Amino acid sequence: MDRWARTFVPANHLYPIMVLDSTGNRIARFGRYGNVDDADPRYNGIHLCWPRAVAASDTAFYVADHGNERILKAALF
């Protein structure tokens, strides 16, 4: 949970990262199914295969993407 009481949760069955408020309501969703080869600009966004863990700071969030064997860092705006 960050200082604004938001929780970042990997949604393994849907592939994205969900951001929940303090009452459990979804306020944002990042990512979609894909792999590291989906770097084509036509397929914009964050591609995740099996997100296992998420950590967030004030400026970015980090995802342990087990299916793509990487740790992804994405900026928060």
PDB file of N, CA and C in Angstrom:
ATOM      1  N   MET A   1       0.842  -1.167   0.000  1.00  0.00           N
ATOM      2  CA  MET A   1       0.000   0.000   0.000  1.00  0.00           C
ATOM      3  C   MET A   1       0.896   1.242   0.000  1.00  0.00           C
ATOM      4  N   ASP A   2       0.550   2.215  -0.810  1.00  0.00           N
ATOM      5  CA  ASP A   2       1.349   3.435  -0.832  1.00  0.00           C
ATOM      6  C   ASP A   2       0.753   4.471   0.126  1.00  0.00           C
ATOM      7  N   ARG A   3       1.318   5.666   0.120  1.00  0.00           N
ATOM      8  CA  ARG A   3       0.865   6.667   1.101  1.00  0.00           C
ATOM      9  C   ARG A   3      -0.519   7.220   0.799  1.00  0.00           C
ATOM     10  N   TRP A   4      -1.072   6.933  -0.369  1.00  0.00           N
ATOM     11  CA  TRP A   4      -2.436   7.329  -0.690  1.00  0.00           C
ATOM     12  C   TRP A   4      -3.408   6.160  -0.511  1.00  0.00           C
ATOM     13  N   ALA A   5      -2.979   5.106   0.142  1.00  0.00           N
ATOM     14  CA  ALA A   5      -3.777   3.915   0.444  1.00  0.00           C
ATOM     15  C   ALA A   5      -4.188   3.161  -0.818  1.00  0.00           C
ATOM     16  N   ARG A   6      -3.381   3.265  -1.870  1.00  0.00           N
ATOM     17  CA  ARG A   6      -3.618   2.467  -3.069  1.00  0.00           C
ATOM     18  C   ARG A   6      -2.836   1.168  -2.947  1.00  0.00           C
ATOM     19  N   THR A   7      -3.438   0.097  -3.422  1.00  0.00           N
ATOM     20  CA  THR A   7      -2.794  -1.210  -3.404  1.00  0.00           C
ATOM     21  C   THR A   7      -2.605  -1.681  -4.841  1.00  0.00           C
ATOM     22  N   PHE A   8      -1.405  -2.140  -5.167  1.00  0.00           N
ATOM     23  CA  PHE A   8      -1.090  -2.662  -6.493  1.00  0.00           C
ATOM     24  C   PHE A   8      -1.112  -4.184  -6.409  1.00  0.00           C
ATOM     25  N   VAL A   9      -1.967  -4.815  -7.213  1.00  0.00           N
ATOM     26  CA  VAL A   9      -2.203  -6.253  -7.119  1.00  0.00           C
ATOM     27  C   VAL A   9      -2.069  -6.894  -8.504  1.00  0.00           C
ATOM     28  N   PRO A  10      -1.266  -7.962  -8.633  1.00  0.00           N
ATOM     29  CA  PRO A  10      -1.242  -8.665  -9.921  1.00  0.00           C
ATOM     30  C   PRO A  10      -2.513  -9.498 -10.079  1.00  0.00           C
ATOM     31  N   ALA A  11      -3.157  -9.371 -11.225  1.00  0.00           N
ATOM     32  CA  ALA A  11      -4.361 -10.159 -11.516  1.00  0.00           C
ATOM     33  C   ALA A  11      -3.951 -11.260 -12.490  1.00  0.00           C
ATOM     34  N   ASN A  12      -3.472 -12.366 -11.967  1.00  0.00           N
ATOM     35  CA  ASN A  12      -2.887 -13.425 -12.785  1.00  0.00           C
ATOM     36  C   ASN A  12      -3.838 -13.995 -13.826  1.00  0.00           C
ATOM     37  N   HIS A  13      -5.118 -14.082 -13.524  1.00  0.00           N
ATOM     38  CA  HIS A  13      -6.061 -14.665 -14.470  1.00  0.00           C
ATOM     39  C   HIS A  13      -6.399 -13.713 -15.618  1.00  0.00           C
ATOM     40  N   LEU A  14      -6.128 -12.400 -15.455  1.00  0.00           N
ATOM     41  CA  LEU A  14      -6.395 -11.414 -16.501  1.00  0.00           C
ATOM     42  C   LEU A  14      -5.124 -10.810 -17.096  1.00  0.00           C
ATOM     43  N   TYR A  15      -3.993 -11.031 -16.457  1.00  0.00           N
ATOM     44  CA  TYR A  15      -2.652 -10.577 -16.847  1.00  0.00           C
ATOM     45  C   TYR A  15      -2.300  -9.137 -16.479  1.00  0.00           C
ATOM     46  N   PRO A  16      -3.218  -8.249 -16.123  1.00  0.00           N
ATOM     47  CA  PRO A  16      -2.789  -6.886 -15.799  1.00  0.00           C
ATOM     48  C   PRO A  16      -2.446  -6.716 -14.324  1.00  0.00           C
ATOM     49  N   ILE A  17      -2.072  -5.489 -14.006  1.00  0.00           N
ATOM     50  CA  ILE A  17      -1.881  -5.067 -12.626  1.00  0.00           C
ATOM     51  C   ILE A  17      -3.068  -4.184 -12.273  1.00  0.00           C
ATOM     52  N   MET A  18      -3.747  -4.503 -11.198  1.00  0.00           N
ATOM     53  CA  MET A  18      -4.888  -3.714 -10.742  1.00  0.00           C
ATOM     54  C   MET A  18      -4.431  -2.775  -9.635  1.00  0.00           C
ATOM     55  N   VAL A  19      -4.965  -1.568  -9.651  1.00  0.00           N
ATOM     56  CA  VAL A  19      -4.724  -0.607  -8.584  1.00  0.00           C
ATOM     57  C   VAL A  19      -6.047  -0.419  -7.870  1.00  0.00           C
ATOM     58  N   LEU A  20      -6.045  -0.714  -6.576  1.00  0.00           N
ATOM     59  CA  LEU A  20      -7.261  -0.650  -5.773  1.00  0.00           C
ATOM     60  C   LEU A  20      -7.153   0.459  -4.743  1.00  0.00           C
ATOM     61  N   ASP A  21      -8.291   1.088  -4.427  1.00  0.00           N
ATOM     62  CA  ASP A  21      -8.286   2.088  -3.361  1.00  0.00           C
ATOM     63  C   ASP A  21      -8.448   1.400  -2.016  1.00  0.00           C
ATOM     64  N   SER A  22      -8.562   2.182  -0.965  1.00  0.00           N
ATOM     65  CA  SER A  22      -8.595   1.615   0.391  1.00  0.00           C
ATOM     66  C   SER A  22      -9.844   0.783   0.675  1.00  0.00           C
ATOM     67  N   THR A  23     -10.890   0.931  -0.128  1.00  0.00           N
ATOM     68  CA  THR A  23     -12.103   0.142   0.074  1.00  0.00           C
ATOM     69  C   THR A  23     -12.215  -1.026  -0.901  1.00  0.00           C
ATOM     70  N   GLY A  24     -11.181  -1.229  -1.737  1.00  0.00           N
ATOM     71  CA  GLY A  24     -11.163  -2.364  -2.644  1.00  0.00           C
ATOM     72  C   GLY A  24     -11.718  -2.088  -4.025  1.00  0.00           C
ATOM     73  N   ASN A  25     -12.059  -0.827  -4.323  1.00  0.00           N
ATOM     74  CA  ASN A  25     -12.565  -0.485  -5.649  1.00  0.00           C
ATOM     75  C   ASN A  25     -11.405  -0.319  -6.626  1.00  0.00           C
ATOM     76  N   ARG A  26     -11.588  -0.801  -7.837  1.00  0.00           N
ATOM     77  CA  ARG A  26     -10.544  -0.678  -8.860  1.00  0.00           C
ATOM     78  C   ARG A  26     -10.508   0.755  -9.376  1.00  0.00           C
ATOM     79  N   ILE A  27      -9.330   1.367  -9.326  1.00  0.00           N
ATOM     80  CA  ILE A  27      -9.196   2.734  -9.824  1.00  0.00           C
ATOM     81  C   ILE A  27      -8.310   2.799 -11.073  1.00  0.00           C
ATOM     82  N   ALA A  28      -7.552   1.753 -11.342  1.00  0.00           N
ATOM     83  CA  ALA A  28      -6.725   1.719 -12.553  1.00  0.00           C
ATOM     84  C   ALA A  28      -6.355   0.277 -12.880  1.00  0.00           C
ATOM     85  N   ARG A  29      -5.960   0.096 -14.129  1.00  0.00           N
ATOM     86  CA  ARG A  29      -5.527  -1.227 -14.590  1.00  0.00           C
ATOM     87  C   ARG A  29      -4.412  -0.997 -15.603  1.00  0.00           C
ATOM     88  N   PHE A  30      -3.273  -1.656 -15.395  1.00  0.00           N
ATOM     89  CA  PHE A  30      -2.119  -1.526 -16.272  1.00  0.00           C
ATOM     90  C   PHE A  30      -1.788  -2.872 -16.883  1.00  0.00           C
ATOM     91  N   GLY A  31      -1.482  -2.882 -18.162  1.00  0.00           N
ATOM     92  CA  GLY A  31      -0.979  -4.084 -18.806  1.00  0.00           C
ATOM     93  C   GLY A  31      -2.039  -4.925 -19.475  1.00  0.00           C
ATOM     94  N   ARG A  32      -1.518  -5.836 -20.300  1.00  0.00           N
ATOM     95  CA  ARG A  32      -2.355  -6.826 -20.977  1.00  0.00           C
ATOM     96  C   ARG A  32      -1.470  -8.008 -21.322  1.00  0.00           C
ATOM     97  N   TYR A  33      -2.084  -9.064 -21.832  1.00  0.00           N
ATOM     98  CA  TYR A  33      -1.317 -10.261 -22.139  1.00  0.00           C
ATOM     99  C   TYR A  33      -0.327  -9.984 -23.263  1.00  0.00           C
ATOM    100  N   GLY A  34       0.854 -10.537 -23.142  1.00  0.00           N
ATOM    101  CA  GLY A  34       1.853 -10.425 -24.194  1.00  0.00           C
ATOM    102  C   GLY A  34       3.195 -10.915 -23.702  1.00  0.00           C
ATOM    103  N   ASN A  35       4.175 -10.811 -24.580  1.00  0.00           N
ATOM    104  CA  ASN A  35       5.523 -11.214 -24.200  1.00  0.00           C
ATOM    105  C   ASN A  35       6.510 -10.125 -24.598  1.00  0.00           C
ATOM    106  N   VAL A  36       7.765 -10.343 -24.323  1.00  0.00           N
ATOM    107  CA  VAL A  36       8.783  -9.325 -24.576  1.00  0.00           C
ATOM    108  C   VAL A  36       8.979  -9.055 -26.060  1.00  0.00           C
ATOM    109  N   ASP A  37       8.510  -9.921 -26.932  1.00  0.00           N
ATOM    110  CA  ASP A  37       8.623  -9.709 -28.373  1.00  0.00           C
ATOM    111  C   ASP A  37       7.547  -8.776 -28.916  1.00  0.00           C
ATOM    112  N   ASP A  38       6.590  -8.386 -28.082  1.00  0.00           N
ATOM    113  CA  ASP A  38       5.516  -7.487 -28.509  1.00  0.00           C
ATOM    114  C   ASP A  38       5.951  -6.029 -28.400  1.00  0.00           C
ATOM    115  N   ALA A  39       7.098  -5.687 -28.962  1.00  0.00           N
ATOM    116  CA  ALA A  39       7.628  -4.329 -28.878  1.00  0.00           C
ATOM    117  C   ALA A  39       7.190  -3.468 -30.059  1.00  0.00           C
ATOM    118  N   ASP A  40       6.363  -3.975 -30.917  1.00  0.00           N
ATOM    119  CA  ASP A  40       5.878  -3.216 -32.068  1.00  0.00           C
ATOM    120  C   ASP A  40       5.074  -2.007 -31.577  1.00  0.00           C
ATOM    121  N   PRO A  41       5.360  -0.795 -32.058  1.00  0.00           N
ATOM    122  CA  PRO A  41       4.636   0.399 -31.593  1.00  0.00           C
ATOM    123  C   PRO A  41       3.131   0.345 -31.830  1.00  0.00           C
ATOM    124  N   ARG A  42       2.686  -0.476 -32.770  1.00  0.00           N
ATOM    125  CA  ARG A  42       1.236  -0.594 -33.005  1.00  0.00           C
ATOM    126  C   ARG A  42       0.540  -1.260 -31.818  1.00  0.00           C
ATOM    127  N   TYR A  43       1.284  -2.048 -31.052  1.00  0.00           N
ATOM    128  CA  TYR A  43       0.721  -2.739 -29.899  1.00  0.00           C
ATOM    129  C   TYR A  43       1.219  -2.053 -28.640  1.00  0.00           C
ATOM    130  N   ASN A  44       0.792  -0.835 -28.467  1.00  0.00           N
ATOM    131  CA  ASN A  44       1.238   0.019 -27.377  1.00  0.00           C
ATOM    132  C   ASN A  44       0.864  -0.560 -26.017  1.00  0.00           C
ATOM    133  N   GLY A  45       1.649  -0.282 -25.016  1.00  0.00           N
ATOM    134  CA  GLY A  45       1.298  -0.666 -23.657  1.00  0.00           C
ATOM    135  C   GLY A  45       2.288  -1.591 -23.004  1.00  0.00           C
ATOM    136  N   ILE A  46       1.910  -2.065 -21.852  1.00  0.00           N
ATOM    137  CA  ILE A  46       2.723  -2.962 -21.045  1.00  0.00           C
ATOM    138  C   ILE A  46       2.242  -4.385 -21.292  1.00  0.00           C
ATOM    139  N   HIS A  47       3.152  -5.268 -21.659  1.00  0.00           N
ATOM    140  CA  HIS A  47       2.798  -6.656 -21.949  1.00  0.00           C
ATOM    141  C   HIS A  47       3.316  -7.559 -20.834  1.00  0.00           C
ATOM    142  N   LEU A  48       2.426  -8.331 -20.242  1.00  0.00           N
ATOM    143  CA  LEU A  48       2.763  -9.225 -19.136  1.00  0.00           C
ATOM    144  C   LEU A  48       2.283 -10.630 -19.457  1.00  0.00           C
ATOM    145  N   CYS A  49       3.041 -11.613 -19.032  1.00  0.00           N
ATOM    146  CA  CYS A  49       2.640 -12.995 -19.257  1.00  0.00           C
ATOM    147  C   CYS A  49       2.117 -13.651 -17.977  1.00  0.00           C
ATOM    148  N   TRP A  50       2.832 -13.472 -16.870  1.00  0.00           N
ATOM    149  CA  TRP A  50       2.379 -14.047 -15.605  1.00  0.00           C
ATOM    150  C   TRP A  50       2.916 -13.188 -14.477  1.00  0.00           C
ATOM    151  N   PRO A  51       2.254 -12.059 -14.190  1.00  0.00           N
ATOM    152  CA  PRO A  51       2.728 -11.182 -13.112  1.00  0.00           C
ATOM    153  C   PRO A  51       2.564 -11.858 -11.761  1.00  0.00           C
ATOM    154  N   ARG A  52       3.663 -11.938 -11.011  1.00  0.00           N
ATOM    155  CA  ARG A  52       3.626 -12.629  -9.726  1.00  0.00           C
ATOM    156  C   ARG A  52       3.679 -11.685  -8.534  1.00  0.00           C
ATOM    157  N   ALA A  53       4.371 -10.562  -8.674  1.00  0.00           N
ATOM    158  CA  ALA A  53       4.523  -9.635  -7.550  1.00  0.00           C
ATOM    159  C   ALA A  53       4.654  -8.219  -8.095  1.00  0.00           C
ATOM    160  N   VAL A  54       4.222  -7.249  -7.284  1.00  0.00           N
ATOM    161  CA  VAL A  54       4.286  -5.836  -7.670  1.00  0.00           C
ATOM    162  C   VAL A  54       4.798  -5.033  -6.489  1.00  0.00           C
ATOM    163  N   ALA A  55       5.657  -4.064  -6.780  1.00  0.00           N
ATOM    164  CA  ALA A  55       6.100  -3.092  -5.784  1.00  0.00           C
ATOM    165  C   ALA A  55       5.972  -1.722  -6.429  1.00  0.00           C
ATOM    166  N   ALA A  56       5.573  -0.722  -5.647  1.00  0.00           N
ATOM    167  CA  ALA A  56       5.353   0.616  -6.200  1.00  0.00           C
ATOM    168  C   ALA A  56       6.057   1.665  -5.356  1.00  0.00           C
ATOM    169  N   SER A  57       6.533   2.708  -6.044  1.00  0.00           N
ATOM    170  CA  SER A  57       7.081   3.881  -5.375  1.00  0.00           C
ATOM    171  C   SER A  57       6.246   5.081  -5.816  1.00  0.00           C
ATOM    172  N   ASP A  58       6.685   6.281  -5.505  1.00  0.00           N
ATOM    173  CA  ASP A  58       5.949   7.475  -5.921  1.00  0.00           C
ATOM    174  C   ASP A  58       6.058   7.720  -7.424  1.00  0.00           C
ATOM    175  N   THR A  59       7.085   7.193  -8.065  1.00  0.00           N
ATOM    176  CA  THR A  59       7.326   7.496  -9.472  1.00  0.00           C
ATOM    177  C   THR A  59       7.210   6.300 -10.418  1.00  0.00           C
ATOM    178  N   ALA A  60       7.239   5.082  -9.895  1.00  0.00           N
ATOM    179  CA  ALA A  60       7.228   3.904 -10.765  1.00  0.00           C
ATOM    180  C   ALA A  60       6.659   2.696 -10.038  1.00  0.00           C
ATOM    181  N   PHE A  61       6.318   1.680 -10.819  1.00  0.00           N
ATOM    182  CA  PHE A  61       6.004   0.389 -10.216  1.00  0.00           C
ATOM    183  C   PHE A  61       6.824  -0.679 -10.915  1.00  0.00           C
ATOM    184  N   TYR A  62       7.107  -1.740 -10.172  1.00  0.00           N
ATOM    185  CA  TYR A  62       7.959  -2.828 -10.626  1.00  0.00           C
ATOM    186  C   TYR A  62       7.143  -4.109 -10.590  1.00  0.00           C
ATOM    187  N   VAL A  63       7.232  -4.894 -11.644  1.00  0.00           N
ATOM    188  CA  VAL A  63       6.461  -6.131 -11.747  1.00  0.00           C
ATOM    189  C   VAL A  63       7.407  -7.287 -11.980  1.00  0.00           C
ATOM    190  N   ALA A  64       7.286  -8.331 -11.168  1.00  0.00           N
ATOM    191  CA  ALA A  64       8.004  -9.582 -11.413  1.00  0.00           C
ATOM    192  C   ALA A  64       7.142 -10.398 -12.375  1.00  0.00           C
ATOM    193  N   ASP A  65       7.531 -10.399 -13.637  1.00  0.00           N
ATOM    194  CA  ASP A  65       6.786 -11.074 -14.698  1.00  0.00           C
ATOM    195  C   ASP A  65       7.410 -12.447 -14.924  1.00  0.00           C
ATOM    196  N   HIS A  66       6.871 -13.436 -14.256  1.00  0.00           N
ATOM    197  CA  HIS A  66       7.432 -14.782 -14.264  1.00  0.00           C
ATOM    198  C   HIS A  66       7.399 -15.410 -15.656  1.00  0.00           C
ATOM    199  N   GLY A  67       6.327 -15.219 -16.396  1.00  0.00           N
ATOM    200  CA  GLY A  67       6.194 -15.833 -17.711  1.00  0.00           C
ATOM    201  C   GLY A  67       7.200 -15.315 -18.721  1.00  0.00           C
ATOM    202  N   ASN A  68       7.583 -14.048 -18.601  1.00  0.00           N
ATOM    203  CA  ASN A  68       8.574 -13.466 -19.502  1.00  0.00           C
ATOM    204  C   ASN A  68       9.964 -13.427 -18.887  1.00  0.00           C
ATOM    205  N   GLU A  69      10.115 -13.960 -17.700  1.00  0.00           N
ATOM    206  CA  GLU A  69      11.384 -14.049 -16.984  1.00  0.00           C
ATOM    207  C   GLU A  69      12.096 -12.688 -16.922  1.00  0.00           C
ATOM    208  N   ARG A  70      11.388 -11.704 -16.346  1.00  0.00           N
ATOM    209  CA  ARG A  70      11.950 -10.368 -16.222  1.00  0.00           C
ATOM    210  C   ARG A  70      11.312  -9.610 -15.077  1.00  0.00           C
ATOM    211  N   ILE A  71      11.942  -8.521 -14.716  1.00  0.00           N
ATOM    212  CA  ILE A  71      11.337  -7.551 -13.799  1.00  0.00           C
ATOM    213  C   ILE A  71      11.151  -6.278 -14.615  1.00  0.00           C
ATOM    214  N   LEU A  72       9.927  -5.833 -14.702  1.00  0.00           N
ATOM    215  CA  LEU A  72       9.574  -4.693 -15.518  1.00  0.00           C
ATOM    216  C   LEU A  72       9.418  -3.459 -14.637  1.00  0.00           C
ATOM    217  N   LYS A  73       9.960  -2.344 -15.078  1.00  0.00           N
ATOM    218  CA  LYS A  73       9.779  -1.066 -14.391  1.00  0.00           C
ATOM    219  C   LYS A  73       8.965  -0.174 -15.304  1.00  0.00           C
ATOM    220  N   ALA A  74       7.874   0.394 -14.784  1.00  0.00           N
ATOM    221  CA  ALA A  74       7.030   1.296 -15.553  1.00  0.00           C
ATOM    222  C   ALA A  74       6.816   2.571 -14.750  1.00  0.00           C
ATOM    223  N   ALA A  75       6.898   3.698 -15.428  1.00  0.00           N
ATOM    224  CA  ALA A  75       6.738   5.003 -14.775  1.00  0.00           C
ATOM    225  C   ALA A  75       5.270   5.269 -14.478  1.00  0.00           C
ATOM    226  N   LEU A  76       5.023   5.892 -13.347  1.00  0.00           N
ATOM    227  CA  LEU A  76       3.691   6.361 -12.979  1.00  0.00           C
ATOM    228  C   LEU A  76       3.638   7.858 -13.262  1.00  0.00           C
ATOM    229  N   PHE A  77       2.622   8.284 -13.969  1.00  0.00           N
ATOM    230  CA  PHE A  77       2.485   9.711 -14.275  1.00  0.00           C
ATOM    231  C   PHE A  77       1.407  10.322 -13.458  1.00  0.00           C
TER     232      PHE A  77
END
